[in-house]
Amino acid sequence: RQVWSQLASVYLLQRRDTDAKLAYQHVLQIDPDDTEAHFKLSGLYWRFGLTDLAKFEQNHAQARHSDTVGETLRRNYLKANPELYSTWPWRPFGDNPIGSQP
């Protein structure tokens, strides 16, 4: 999986989009949950005009993407305003990886 992913990245750098798409699709045959492959395929599908596939891959990647910058900003804000912690809107799949107050 890792070798195919690296090969796909090289293809992207070389602007060999068709080869990159095929390599990322091969990665997903090995590991259907590979977030990077889904993310990269979404961009490639947009380039090829395959909007339905691009949206599917984008949704798949975003559902597993962790926003580390947003998480840091949120934690700092809640540390400065602890009275707001209980009212903060959490995403349904869990937005607090540590599981405790800030």
PDB file of N, CA and C in Angstrom:
ATOM      1  N   ARG A   1       0.829  -1.193   0.000  1.00  0.00           N
ATOM      2  CA  ARG A   1       0.000   0.000   0.000  1.00  0.00           C
ATOM      3  C   ARG A   1       0.867   1.247   0.000  1.00  0.00           C
ATOM      4  N   GLN A   2       1.855   1.274   0.852  1.00  0.00           N
ATOM      5  CA  GLN A   2       2.696   2.456   0.964  1.00  0.00           C
ATOM      6  C   GLN A   2       3.484   2.707  -0.319  1.00  0.00           C
ATOM      7  N   VAL A   3       3.982   1.660  -0.926  1.00  0.00           N
ATOM      8  CA  VAL A   3       4.737   1.816  -2.174  1.00  0.00           C
ATOM      9  C   VAL A   3       3.833   2.345  -3.278  1.00  0.00           C
ATOM     10  N   TRP A   4       2.627   1.816  -3.365  1.00  0.00           N
ATOM     11  CA  TRP A   4       1.696   2.308  -4.384  1.00  0.00           C
ATOM     12  C   TRP A   4       1.320   3.767  -4.119  1.00  0.00           C
ATOM     13  N   SER A   5       1.175   4.120  -2.869  1.00  0.00           N
ATOM     14  CA  SER A   5       0.857   5.501  -2.520  1.00  0.00           C
ATOM     15  C   SER A   5       2.004   6.434  -2.893  1.00  0.00           C
ATOM     16  N   GLN A   6       3.233   6.006  -2.636  1.00  0.00           N
ATOM     17  CA  GLN A   6       4.392   6.814  -3.008  1.00  0.00           C
ATOM     18  C   GLN A   6       4.519   6.925  -4.526  1.00  0.00           C
ATOM     19  N   LEU A   7       4.246   5.838  -5.218  1.00  0.00           N
ATOM     20  CA  LEU A   7       4.282   5.865  -6.676  1.00  0.00           C
ATOM     21  C   LEU A   7       3.241   6.845  -7.212  1.00  0.00           C
ATOM     22  N   ALA A   8       2.054   6.823  -6.640  1.00  0.00           N
ATOM     23  CA  ALA A   8       1.010   7.761  -7.063  1.00  0.00           C
ATOM     24  C   ALA A   8       1.434   9.193  -6.813  1.00  0.00           C
ATOM     25  N   SER A   9       2.103   9.449  -5.704  1.00  0.00           N
ATOM     26  CA  SER A   9       2.585  10.808  -5.409  1.00  0.00           C
ATOM     27  C   SER A   9       3.612  11.264  -6.438  1.00  0.00           C
ATOM     28  N   VAL A  10       4.487  10.350  -6.834  1.00  0.00           N
ATOM     29  CA  VAL A  10       5.475  10.674  -7.867  1.00  0.00           C
ATOM     30  C   VAL A  10       4.764  10.999  -9.179  1.00  0.00           C
ATOM     31  N   TYR A  11       3.764  10.204  -9.529  1.00  0.00           N
ATOM     32  CA  TYR A  11       2.995  10.479 -10.741  1.00  0.00           C
ATOM     33  C   TYR A  11       2.346  11.860 -10.682  1.00  0.00           C
ATOM     34  N   LEU A  12       1.833  12.227  -9.521  1.00  0.00           N
ATOM     35  CA  LEU A  12       1.233  13.559  -9.388  1.00  0.00           C
ATOM     36  C   LEU A  12       2.264  14.647  -9.616  1.00  0.00           C
ATOM     37  N   LEU A  13       3.442  14.471  -9.050  1.00  0.00           N
ATOM     38  CA  LEU A  13       4.504  15.460  -9.236  1.00  0.00           C
ATOM     39  C   LEU A  13       4.911  15.585 -10.695  1.00  0.00           C
ATOM     40  N   GLN A  14       4.813  14.487 -11.415  1.00  0.00           N
ATOM     41  CA  GLN A  14       5.164  14.474 -12.837  1.00  0.00           C
ATOM     42  C   GLN A  14       3.998  14.884 -13.731  1.00  0.00           C
ATOM     43  N   ARG A  15       2.863  15.216 -13.110  1.00  0.00           N
ATOM     44  CA  ARG A  15       1.638  15.598 -13.824  1.00  0.00           C
ATOM     45  C   ARG A  15       1.122  14.449 -14.695  1.00  0.00           C
ATOM     46  N   ARG A  16       1.352  13.225 -14.278  1.00  0.00           N
ATOM     47  CA  ARG A  16       0.824  12.037 -14.955  1.00  0.00           C
ATOM     48  C   ARG A  16      -0.449  11.634 -14.220  1.00  0.00           C
ATOM     49  N   ASP A  17      -1.493  12.445 -14.416  1.00  0.00           N
ATOM     50  CA  ASP A  17      -2.722  12.315 -13.648  1.00  0.00           C
ATOM     51  C   ASP A  17      -3.418  10.970 -13.826  1.00  0.00           C
ATOM     52  N   THR A  18      -3.432  10.451 -15.028  1.00  0.00           N
ATOM     53  CA  THR A  18      -4.092   9.166 -15.264  1.00  0.00           C
ATOM     54  C   THR A  18      -3.378   8.054 -14.509  1.00  0.00           C
ATOM     55  N   ASP A  19      -2.051   8.058 -14.563  1.00  0.00           N
ATOM     56  CA  ASP A  19      -1.285   7.050 -13.828  1.00  0.00           C
ATOM     57  C   ASP A  19      -1.478   7.211 -12.323  1.00  0.00           C
ATOM     58  N   ALA A  20      -1.517   8.453 -11.849  1.00  0.00           N
ATOM     59  CA  ALA A  20      -1.733   8.703 -10.422  1.00  0.00           C
ATOM     60  C   ALA A  20      -3.102   8.188  -9.997  1.00  0.00           C
ATOM     61  N   LYS A  21      -4.101   8.448 -10.814  1.00  0.00           N
ATOM     62  CA  LYS A  21      -5.460   7.981 -10.497  1.00  0.00           C
ATOM     63  C   LYS A  21      -5.494   6.461 -10.395  1.00  0.00           C
ATOM     64  N   LEU A  22      -4.883   5.784 -11.341  1.00  0.00           N
ATOM     65  CA  LEU A  22      -4.860   4.319 -11.315  1.00  0.00           C
ATOM     66  C   LEU A  22      -4.090   3.796 -10.106  1.00  0.00           C
ATOM     67  N   ALA A  23      -3.002   4.459  -9.753  1.00  0.00           N
ATOM     68  CA  ALA A  23      -2.217   4.020  -8.596  1.00  0.00           C
ATOM     69  C   ALA A  23      -3.002   4.214  -7.302  1.00  0.00           C
ATOM     70  N   TYR A  24      -3.685   5.357  -7.150  1.00  0.00           N
ATOM     71  CA  TYR A  24      -4.489   5.571  -5.943  1.00  0.00           C
ATOM     72  C   TYR A  24      -5.676   4.608  -5.887  1.00  0.00           C
ATOM     73  N   GLN A  25      -6.246   4.284  -7.027  1.00  0.00           N
ATOM     74  CA  GLN A  25      -7.317   3.295  -7.045  1.00  0.00           C
ATOM     75  C   GLN A  25      -6.789   1.925  -6.601  1.00  0.00           C
ATOM     76  N   HIS A  26      -5.549   1.627  -6.985  1.00  0.00           N
ATOM     77  CA  HIS A  26      -4.933   0.370  -6.550  1.00  0.00           C
ATOM     78  C   HIS A  26      -4.703   0.389  -5.031  1.00  0.00           C
ATOM     79  N   VAL A  27      -4.303   1.535  -4.501  1.00  0.00           N
ATOM     80  CA  VAL A  27      -4.132   1.659  -3.048  1.00  0.00           C
ATOM     81  C   VAL A  27      -5.442   1.326  -2.347  1.00  0.00           C
ATOM     82  N   LEU A  28      -6.558   1.832  -2.886  1.00  0.00           N
ATOM     83  CA  LEU A  28      -7.863   1.587  -2.265  1.00  0.00           C
ATOM     84  C   LEU A  28      -8.309   0.131  -2.405  1.00  0.00           C
ATOM     85  N   GLN A  29      -7.805  -0.571  -3.399  1.00  0.00           N
ATOM     86  CA  GLN A  29      -8.089  -2.007  -3.483  1.00  0.00           C
ATOM     87  C   GLN A  29      -7.384  -2.747  -2.347  1.00  0.00           C
ATOM     88  N   ILE A  30      -6.205  -2.256  -1.970  1.00  0.00           N
ATOM     89  CA  ILE A  30      -5.455  -2.866  -0.877  1.00  0.00           C
ATOM     90  C   ILE A  30      -6.039  -2.448   0.471  1.00  0.00           C
ATOM     91  N   ASP A  31      -6.308  -1.137   0.609  1.00  0.00           N
ATOM     92  CA  ASP A  31      -6.827  -0.594   1.868  1.00  0.00           C
ATOM     93  C   ASP A  31      -7.950   0.390   1.554  1.00  0.00           C
ATOM     94  N   PRO A  32      -9.199  -0.051   1.588  1.00  0.00           N
ATOM     95  CA  PRO A  32     -10.331   0.814   1.233  1.00  0.00           C
ATOM     96  C   PRO A  32     -10.504   2.025   2.147  1.00  0.00           C
ATOM     97  N   ASP A  33      -9.839   2.043   3.298  1.00  0.00           N
ATOM     98  CA  ASP A  33      -9.988   3.160   4.231  1.00  0.00           C
ATOM     99  C   ASP A  33      -8.812   4.132   4.195  1.00  0.00           C
ATOM    100  N   ASP A  34      -7.961   4.060   3.190  1.00  0.00           N
ATOM    101  CA  ASP A  34      -6.799   4.947   3.105  1.00  0.00           C
ATOM    102  C   ASP A  34      -7.271   6.381   2.833  1.00  0.00           C
ATOM    103  N   THR A  35      -7.175   7.222   3.844  1.00  0.00           N
ATOM    104  CA  THR A  35      -7.699   8.590   3.761  1.00  0.00           C
ATOM    105  C   THR A  35      -6.969   9.414   2.714  1.00  0.00           C
ATOM    106  N   GLU A  36      -5.655   9.280   2.651  1.00  0.00           N
ATOM    107  CA  GLU A  36      -4.888  10.057   1.684  1.00  0.00           C
ATOM    108  C   GLU A  36      -5.293   9.710   0.257  1.00  0.00           C
ATOM    109  N   ALA A  37      -5.485   8.437  -0.023  1.00  0.00           N
ATOM    110  CA  ALA A  37      -5.880   8.021  -1.370  1.00  0.00           C
ATOM    111  C   ALA A  37      -7.244   8.605  -1.733  1.00  0.00           C
ATOM    112  N   HIS A  38      -8.177   8.579  -0.799  1.00  0.00           N
ATOM    113  CA  HIS A  38      -9.490   9.178  -1.061  1.00  0.00           C
ATOM    114  C   HIS A  38      -9.361  10.676  -1.326  1.00  0.00           C
ATOM    115  N   PHE A  39      -8.542  11.348  -0.515  1.00  0.00           N
ATOM    116  CA  PHE A  39      -8.352  12.788  -0.666  1.00  0.00           C
ATOM    117  C   PHE A  39      -7.734  13.119  -2.019  1.00  0.00           C
ATOM    118  N   LYS A  40      -6.676  12.422  -2.384  1.00  0.00           N
ATOM    119  CA  LYS A  40      -5.992  12.689  -3.659  1.00  0.00           C
ATOM    120  C   LYS A  40      -6.885  12.331  -4.846  1.00  0.00           C
ATOM    121  N   LEU A  41      -7.632  11.236  -4.718  1.00  0.00           N
ATOM    122  CA  LEU A  41      -8.541  10.860  -5.808  1.00  0.00           C
ATOM    123  C   LEU A  41      -9.628  11.902  -6.015  1.00  0.00           C
ATOM    124  N   SER A  42     -10.079  12.531  -4.932  1.00  0.00           N
ATOM    125  CA  SER A  42     -11.117  13.563  -5.099  1.00  0.00           C
ATOM    126  C   SER A  42     -10.605  14.680  -5.989  1.00  0.00           C
ATOM    127  N   GLY A  43      -9.374  15.112  -5.768  1.00  0.00           N
ATOM    128  CA  GLY A  43      -8.795  16.160  -6.621  1.00  0.00           C
ATOM    129  C   GLY A  43      -8.615  15.703  -8.059  1.00  0.00           C
ATOM    130  N   LEU A  44      -8.177  14.467  -8.230  1.00  0.00           N
ATOM    131  CA  LEU A  44      -7.995  13.947  -9.585  1.00  0.00           C
ATOM    132  C   LEU A  44      -9.327  13.818 -10.313  1.00  0.00           C
ATOM    133  N   TYR A  45     -10.341  13.347  -9.608  1.00  0.00           N
ATOM    134  CA  TYR A  45     -11.648  13.221 -10.245  1.00  0.00           C
ATOM    135  C   TYR A  45     -12.193  14.587 -10.646  1.00  0.00           C
ATOM    136  N   TRP A  46     -11.958  15.601  -9.823  1.00  0.00           N
ATOM    137  CA  TRP A  46     -12.383  16.955 -10.214  1.00  0.00           C
ATOM    138  C   TRP A  46     -11.683  17.371 -11.500  1.00  0.00           C
ATOM    139  N   ARG A  47     -10.381  17.082 -11.612  1.00  0.00           N
ATOM    140  CA  ARG A  47      -9.629  17.430 -12.829  1.00  0.00           C
ATOM    141  C   ARG A  47     -10.207  16.745 -14.055  1.00  0.00           C
ATOM    142  N   PHE A  48     -10.643  15.495 -13.869  1.00  0.00           N
ATOM    143  CA  PHE A  48     -11.193  14.740 -14.998  1.00  0.00           C
ATOM    144  C   PHE A  48     -12.664  15.051 -15.251  1.00  0.00           C
ATOM    145  N   GLY A  49     -13.258  15.899 -14.420  1.00  0.00           N
ATOM    146  CA  GLY A  49     -14.665  16.252 -14.597  1.00  0.00           C
ATOM    147  C   GLY A  49     -15.631  15.206 -14.085  1.00  0.00           C
ATOM    148  N   LEU A  50     -15.164  14.302 -13.266  1.00  0.00           N
ATOM    149  CA  LEU A  50     -16.003  13.243 -12.702  1.00  0.00           C
ATOM    150  C   LEU A  50     -16.535  13.722 -11.347  1.00  0.00           C
ATOM    151  N   THR A  51     -17.486  14.638 -11.390  1.00  0.00           N
ATOM    152  CA  THR A  51     -17.911  15.339 -10.176  1.00  0.00           C
ATOM    153  C   THR A  51     -18.571  14.424  -9.145  1.00  0.00           C
ATOM    154  N   ASP A  52     -19.354  13.456  -9.575  1.00  0.00           N
ATOM    155  CA  ASP A  52     -19.995  12.556  -8.611  1.00  0.00           C
ATOM    156  C   ASP A  52     -18.951  11.744  -7.845  1.00  0.00           C
ATOM    157  N   LEU A  53     -17.977  11.214  -8.568  1.00  0.00           N
ATOM    158  CA  LEU A  53     -16.913  10.468  -7.909  1.00  0.00           C
ATOM    159  C   LEU A  53     -16.075  11.381  -7.023  1.00  0.00           C
ATOM    160  N   ALA A  54     -15.826  12.593  -7.489  1.00  0.00           N
ATOM    161  CA  ALA A  54     -15.038  13.556  -6.705  1.00  0.00           C
ATOM    162  C   ALA A  54     -15.740  13.885  -5.396  1.00  0.00           C
ATOM    163  N   LYS A  55     -17.036  14.108  -5.446  1.00  0.00           N
ATOM    164  CA  LYS A  55     -17.792  14.418  -4.227  1.00  0.00           C
ATOM    165  C   LYS A  55     -17.790  13.239  -3.264  1.00  0.00           C
ATOM    166  N   PHE A  56     -17.944  12.027  -3.800  1.00  0.00           N
ATOM    167  CA  PHE A  56     -17.917  10.838  -2.956  1.00  0.00           C
ATOM    168  C   PHE A  56     -16.577  10.721  -2.233  1.00  0.00           C
ATOM    169  N   GLU A  57     -15.483  10.853  -2.987  1.00  0.00           N
ATOM    170  CA  GLU A  57     -14.155  10.729  -2.389  1.00  0.00           C
ATOM    171  C   GLU A  57     -13.885  11.857  -1.401  1.00  0.00           C
ATOM    172  N   GLN A  58     -14.354  13.049  -1.728  1.00  0.00           N
ATOM    173  CA  GLN A  58     -14.160  14.192  -0.834  1.00  0.00           C
ATOM    174  C   GLN A  58     -14.894  13.967   0.488  1.00  0.00           C
ATOM    175  N   ASN A  59     -16.118  13.497   0.417  1.00  0.00           N
ATOM    176  CA  ASN A  59     -16.879  13.212   1.640  1.00  0.00           C
ATOM    177  C   ASN A  59     -16.224  12.104   2.456  1.00  0.00           C
ATOM    178  N   HIS A  60     -15.720  11.100   1.767  1.00  0.00           N
ATOM    179  CA  HIS A  60     -15.065   9.990   2.451  1.00  0.00           C
ATOM    180  C   HIS A  60     -13.811  10.476   3.178  1.00  0.00           C
ATOM    181  N   ALA A  61     -13.028  11.328   2.518  1.00  0.00           N
ATOM    182  CA  ALA A  61     -11.789  11.824   3.127  1.00  0.00           C
ATOM    183  C   ALA A  61     -12.076  12.797   4.264  1.00  0.00           C
ATOM    184  N   GLN A  62     -13.052  13.679   4.083  1.00  0.00           N
ATOM    185  CA  GLN A  62     -13.338  14.680   5.105  1.00  0.00           C
ATOM    186  C   GLN A  62     -13.909  14.056   6.375  1.00  0.00           C
ATOM    187  N   ALA A  63     -14.605  12.959   6.239  1.00  0.00           N
ATOM    188  CA  ALA A  63     -15.168  12.304   7.416  1.00  0.00           C
ATOM    189  C   ALA A  63     -14.069  11.774   8.335  1.00  0.00           C
ATOM    190  N   ARG A  64     -12.888  11.525   7.779  1.00  0.00           N
ATOM    191  CA  ARG A  64     -11.782  10.983   8.570  1.00  0.00           C
ATOM    192  C   ARG A  64     -10.675  11.987   8.820  1.00  0.00           C
ATOM    193  N   HIS A  65     -10.808  13.169   8.269  1.00  0.00           N
ATOM    194  CA  HIS A  65      -9.762  14.185   8.402  1.00  0.00           C
ATOM    195  C   HIS A  65      -9.834  14.860   9.764  1.00  0.00           C
ATOM    196  N   SER A  66      -8.710  14.995  10.417  1.00  0.00           N
ATOM    197  CA  SER A  66      -8.688  15.718  11.685  1.00  0.00           C
ATOM    198  C   SER A  66      -8.104  17.105  11.451  1.00  0.00           C
ATOM    199  N   ASP A  67      -8.807  18.098  11.904  1.00  0.00           N
ATOM    200  CA  ASP A  67      -8.389  19.485  11.738  1.00  0.00           C
ATOM    201  C   ASP A  67      -7.552  19.878  12.943  1.00  0.00           C
ATOM    202  N   THR A  68      -6.250  19.678  12.857  1.00  0.00           N
ATOM    203  CA  THR A  68      -5.386  19.929  14.001  1.00  0.00           C
ATOM    204  C   THR A  68      -5.295  21.403  14.354  1.00  0.00           C
ATOM    205  N   VAL A  69      -5.319  22.289  13.356  1.00  0.00           N
ATOM    206  CA  VAL A  69      -5.280  23.723  13.630  1.00  0.00           C
ATOM    207  C   VAL A  69      -6.566  24.149  14.334  1.00  0.00           C
ATOM    208  N   GLY A  70      -7.698  23.720  13.796  1.00  0.00           N
ATOM    209  CA  GLY A  70      -8.985  24.050  14.408  1.00  0.00           C
ATOM    210  C   GLY A  70      -9.102  23.483  15.810  1.00  0.00           C
ATOM    211  N   GLU A  71      -8.582  22.277  15.991  1.00  0.00           N
ATOM    212  CA  GLU A  71      -8.619  21.646  17.306  1.00  0.00           C
ATOM    213  C   GLU A  71      -7.807  22.458  18.313  1.00  0.00           C
ATOM    214  N   THR A  72      -6.638  22.922  17.906  1.00  0.00           N
ATOM    215  CA  THR A  72      -5.794  23.729  18.791  1.00  0.00           C
ATOM    216  C   THR A  72      -6.462  25.050  19.135  1.00  0.00           C
ATOM    217  N   LEU A  73      -7.027  25.715  18.137  1.00  0.00           N
ATOM    218  CA  LEU A  73      -7.719  26.989  18.386  1.00  0.00           C
ATOM    219  C   LEU A  73      -8.901  26.789  19.321  1.00  0.00           C
ATOM    220  N   ARG A  74      -9.658  25.721  19.101  1.00  0.00           N
ATOM    221  CA  ARG A  74     -10.823  25.451  19.934  1.00  0.00           C
ATOM    222  C   ARG A  74     -10.414  25.173  21.372  1.00  0.00           C
ATOM    223  N   ARG A  75      -9.385  24.357  21.547  1.00  0.00           N
ATOM    224  CA  ARG A  75      -8.932  24.045  22.904  1.00  0.00           C
ATOM    225  C   ARG A  75      -8.449  25.297  23.632  1.00  0.00           C
ATOM    226  N   ASN A  76      -7.698  26.152  22.934  1.00  0.00           N
ATOM    227  CA  ASN A  76      -7.226  27.398  23.551  1.00  0.00           C
ATOM    228  C   ASN A  76      -8.399  28.290  23.942  1.00  0.00           C
ATOM    229  N   TYR A  77      -9.399  28.367  23.074  1.00  0.00           N
ATOM    230  CA  TYR A  77     -10.575  29.187  23.367  1.00  0.00           C
ATOM    231  C   TYR A  77     -11.322  28.652  24.588  1.00  0.00           C
ATOM    232  N   LEU A  78     -11.495  27.342  24.633  1.00  0.00           N
ATOM    233  CA  LEU A  78     -12.219  26.753  25.759  1.00  0.00           C
ATOM    234  C   LEU A  78     -11.419  26.836  27.065  1.00  0.00           C
ATOM    235  N   LYS A  79     -10.095  26.815  26.965  1.00  0.00           N
ATOM    236  CA  LYS A  79      -9.284  27.003  28.171  1.00  0.00           C
ATOM    237  C   LYS A  79      -9.472  28.416  28.720  1.00  0.00           C
ATOM    238  N   ALA A  80      -9.585  29.390  27.813  1.00  0.00           N
ATOM    239  CA  ALA A  80      -9.778  30.777  28.237  1.00  0.00           C
ATOM    240  C   ALA A  80     -11.206  31.032  28.711  1.00  0.00           C
ATOM    241  N   ASN A  81     -12.158  30.206  28.260  1.00  0.00           N
ATOM    242  CA  ASN A  81     -13.578  30.378  28.595  1.00  0.00           C
ATOM    243  C   ASN A  81     -14.178  29.051  29.048  1.00  0.00           C
ATOM    244  N   PRO A  82     -13.752  28.511  30.179  1.00  0.00           N
ATOM    245  CA  PRO A  82     -14.204  27.177  30.587  1.00  0.00           C
ATOM    246  C   PRO A  82     -15.703  27.087  30.848  1.00  0.00           C
ATOM    247  N   GLU A  83     -16.351  28.199  31.109  1.00  0.00           N
ATOM    248  CA  GLU A  83     -17.797  28.164  31.351  1.00  0.00           C
ATOM    249  C   GLU A  83     -18.568  27.788  30.083  1.00  0.00           C
ATOM    250  N   LEU A  84     -17.945  27.913  28.927  1.00  0.00           N
ATOM    251  CA  LEU A  84     -18.607  27.583  27.661  1.00  0.00           C
ATOM    252  C   LEU A  84     -18.424  26.126  27.247  1.00  0.00           C
ATOM    253  N   TYR A  85     -17.607  25.388  27.959  1.00  0.00           N
ATOM    254  CA  TYR A  85     -17.294  24.013  27.550  1.00  0.00           C
ATOM    255  C   TYR A  85     -18.544  23.152  27.399  1.00  0.00           C
ATOM    256  N   SER A  86     -19.443  23.233  28.338  1.00  0.00           N
ATOM    257  CA  SER A  86     -20.633  22.365  28.290  1.00  0.00           C
ATOM    258  C   SER A  86     -21.597  22.754  27.175  1.00  0.00           C
ATOM    259  N   THR A  87     -21.485  23.957  26.641  1.00  0.00           N
ATOM    260  CA  THR A  87     -22.397  24.396  25.576  1.00  0.00           C
ATOM    261  C   THR A  87     -21.777  24.255  24.185  1.00  0.00           C
ATOM    262  N   TRP A  88     -20.536  23.794  24.114  1.00  0.00           N
ATOM    263  CA  TRP A  88     -19.848  23.727  22.821  1.00  0.00           C
ATOM    264  C   TRP A  88     -20.472  22.636  21.950  1.00  0.00           C
ATOM    265  N   PRO A  89     -20.783  22.945  20.662  1.00  0.00           N
ATOM    266  CA  PRO A  89     -21.403  21.932  19.787  1.00  0.00           C
ATOM    267  C   PRO A  89     -20.370  20.911  19.312  1.00  0.00           C
ATOM    268  N   TRP A  90     -20.569  19.668  19.691  1.00  0.00           N
ATOM    269  CA  TRP A  90     -19.661  18.599  19.275  1.00  0.00           C
ATOM    270  C   TRP A  90     -20.234  17.884  18.069  1.00  0.00           C
ATOM    271  N   ARG A  91     -19.369  17.468  17.176  1.00  0.00           N
ATOM    272  CA  ARG A  91     -19.820  16.691  16.021  1.00  0.00           C
ATOM    273  C   ARG A  91     -20.261  15.319  16.500  1.00  0.00           C
ATOM    274  N   PRO A  92     -21.224  14.675  15.782  1.00  0.00           N
ATOM    275  CA  PRO A  92     -21.773  13.414  16.251  1.00  0.00           C
ATOM    276  C   PRO A  92     -20.751  12.290  16.366  1.00  0.00           C
ATOM    277  N   PHE A  93     -19.695  12.279  15.536  1.00  0.00           N
ATOM    278  CA  PHE A  93     -18.760  11.170  15.590  1.00  0.00           C
ATOM    279  C   PHE A  93     -17.643  11.414  16.594  1.00  0.00           C
ATOM    280  N   GLY A  94     -17.751  12.466  17.372  1.00  0.00           N
ATOM    281  CA  GLY A  94     -16.757  12.711  18.416  1.00  0.00           C
ATOM    282  C   GLY A  94     -15.765  13.767  17.993  1.00  0.00           C
ATOM    283  N   ASP A  95     -15.660  14.796  18.767  1.00  0.00           N
ATOM    284  CA  ASP A  95     -14.776  15.889  18.413  1.00  0.00           C
ATOM    285  C   ASP A  95     -13.754  16.135  19.510  1.00  0.00           C
ATOM    286  N   ASN A  96     -13.716  15.262  20.475  1.00  0.00           N
ATOM    287  CA  ASN A  96     -12.821  15.458  21.599  1.00  0.00           C
ATOM    288  C   ASN A  96     -11.969  14.204  21.744  1.00  0.00           C
ATOM    289  N   PRO A  97     -10.854  14.132  20.989  1.00  0.00           N
ATOM    290  CA  PRO A  97     -10.079  12.902  20.991  1.00  0.00           C
ATOM    291  C   PRO A  97      -9.487  12.537  22.334  1.00  0.00           C
ATOM    292  N   ILE A  98      -9.278  13.516  23.198  1.00  0.00           N
ATOM    293  CA  ILE A  98      -8.715  13.228  24.504  1.00  0.00           C
ATOM    294  C   ILE A  98      -9.802  12.790  25.475  1.00  0.00           C
ATOM    295  N   GLY A  99     -11.025  13.275  25.265  1.00  0.00           N
ATOM    296  CA  GLY A  99     -12.141  12.856  26.082  1.00  0.00           C
ATOM    297  C   GLY A  99     -12.250  13.570  27.404  1.00  0.00           C
ATOM    298  N   SER A 100     -11.607  14.710  27.535  1.00  0.00           N
ATOM    299  CA  SER A 100     -11.685  15.458  28.786  1.00  0.00           C
ATOM    300  C   SER A 100     -11.854  16.943  28.483  1.00  0.00           C
ATOM    301  N   GLN A 101     -12.080  17.679  29.505  1.00  0.00           N
ATOM    302  CA  GLN A 101     -12.211  19.132  29.328  1.00  0.00           C
ATOM    303  C   GLN A 101     -10.856  19.704  28.946  1.00  0.00           C
ATOM    304  N   PRO A 102     -10.864  20.893  28.319  1.00  0.00           N
ATOM    305  CA  PRO A 102      -9.591  21.474  27.852  1.00  0.00           C
ATOM    306  C   PRO A 102      -8.631  21.771  28.984  1.00  0.00           C
TER     307      PRO A 102
END
